[in-house]
Amino acid sequence: MALLEALVVFVVGFVSGTVVRWFAGLAAFVALVLVILGVATPQITLLDHIVQRYYLGNELLFISGFLFGIDAKQTKEVVVERRASD
């Protein structure tokens, strides 16, 4: 995988983590409704192509970006505190 592709996958994970942090309750509710209605995985050709080409095999990279996105605010606060104490 090229460096650019790895960077894009990581950034997508990071943005996804940030969005989930912002809208976690709403996202959980919508996901539950979609699963109950049976429309959780609509067949969208473009989305299928992106998942097949970039996501499959890069799950750990996506998850790392996702987790960084979720915890970015707390991490920034800790870094600022450490710099201030030095």
Protein backbone atom coordinates (compact mmCIF):
# COMPACT_ATOMS: atom_id res chain seq x y z
CA MET A 1 0.00 0.00 0.00
CA ALA A 2 1.30 3.42 -0.89
CA LEU A 3 1.93 6.02 1.78
CA LEU A 4 -0.83 8.25 0.40
CA GLU A 5 -3.40 5.44 0.59
CA ALA A 6 -2.36 4.65 4.17
CA LEU A 7 -2.66 8.31 5.09
CA VAL A 8 -6.12 8.58 3.53
CA VAL A 9 -7.36 5.46 5.37
CA PHE A 10 -5.99 6.80 8.65
CA VAL A 11 -7.55 10.23 8.11
CA VAL A 12 -10.92 8.68 7.25
CA GLY A 13 -10.72 6.67 10.47
CA PHE A 14 -9.74 9.80 12.41
CA VAL A 15 -12.65 11.80 11.01
CA SER A 16 -15.02 8.91 11.66
CA GLY A 17 -13.85 8.72 15.26
CA THR A 18 -14.35 12.44 15.72
CA VAL A 19 -17.86 12.29 14.25
CA VAL A 20 -18.76 9.32 16.44
CA ARG A 21 -17.52 11.18 19.50
CA TRP A 22 -19.77 14.13 18.59
CA PHE A 23 -22.86 12.14 17.71
CA ALA A 24 -22.43 8.84 19.58
CA GLY A 25 -25.94 8.69 21.01
CA LEU A 26 -27.63 9.62 17.77
CA ALA A 27 -25.45 7.22 15.77
CA ALA A 28 -26.30 4.33 18.11
CA PHE A 29 -30.02 5.05 17.90
CA VAL A 30 -29.99 5.33 14.09
CA ALA A 31 -27.96 2.13 13.78
CA LEU A 32 -30.42 0.27 15.98
CA VAL A 33 -33.38 1.50 13.91
CA LEU A 34 -31.66 0.51 10.67
CA VAL A 35 -30.89 -2.97 11.96
CA ILE A 36 -34.47 -3.43 13.16
CA LEU A 37 -35.80 -2.30 9.77
CA GLY A 38 -33.32 -4.53 7.94
CA VAL A 39 -31.76 -1.75 5.88
CA ALA A 40 -28.42 -1.57 7.70
CA THR A 41 -26.42 -2.48 4.62
CA PRO A 42 -27.89 -0.92 1.48
CA GLN A 43 -26.27 -1.88 -1.82
CA ILE A 44 -24.45 1.24 -2.96
CA THR A 45 -21.98 0.46 -5.74
CA LEU A 46 -19.59 3.30 -4.97
CA LEU A 47 -19.52 2.44 -1.27
CA ASP A 48 -18.91 -1.24 -2.04
CA HIS A 49 -16.02 -0.29 -4.36
CA ILE A 50 -14.41 1.91 -1.69
CA VAL A 51 -14.74 -0.77 0.98
CA GLN A 52 -13.35 -3.49 -1.30
CA ARG A 53 -10.43 -1.39 -2.55
CA TYR A 54 -9.26 0.52 0.53
CA TYR A 55 -10.84 -0.74 3.74
CA LEU A 56 -10.51 -4.53 3.49
CA GLY A 57 -7.07 -5.45 4.75
CA ASN A 58 -6.60 -2.02 6.35
CA GLU A 59 -8.98 -2.47 9.28
CA LEU A 60 -6.31 -1.88 11.92
CA LEU A 61 -5.20 1.34 10.27
CA PHE A 62 -8.80 2.54 10.13
CA ILE A 63 -9.37 1.56 13.77
CA SER A 64 -6.23 3.41 14.87
CA GLY A 65 -7.43 6.57 13.16
CA PHE A 66 -10.90 6.01 14.58
CA LEU A 67 -9.55 5.73 18.14
CA PHE A 68 -7.33 8.76 17.73
CA GLY A 69 -10.38 10.68 16.52
CA ILE A 70 -12.44 9.62 19.53
CA ASP A 71 -9.75 10.59 22.02
CA ALA A 72 -8.24 13.61 20.24
CA LYS A 73 -9.63 16.24 22.61
CA GLN A 74 -8.41 14.45 25.75
CA THR A 75 -5.01 13.79 24.20
CA LYS A 76 -4.63 17.46 23.28
CA GLU A 77 -5.47 18.52 26.84
CA VAL A 78 -2.89 16.11 28.29
CA VAL A 79 -0.18 17.33 25.91
CA VAL A 80 -0.93 20.97 26.73
CA GLU A 81 -0.79 20.20 30.47
CA ARG A 82 2.55 18.40 30.10
CA ARG A 83 4.04 21.29 28.13
CA ALA A 84 2.87 23.77 30.73
CA SER A 85 4.45 21.79 33.57
CA ASP A 86 7.90 21.61 31.87
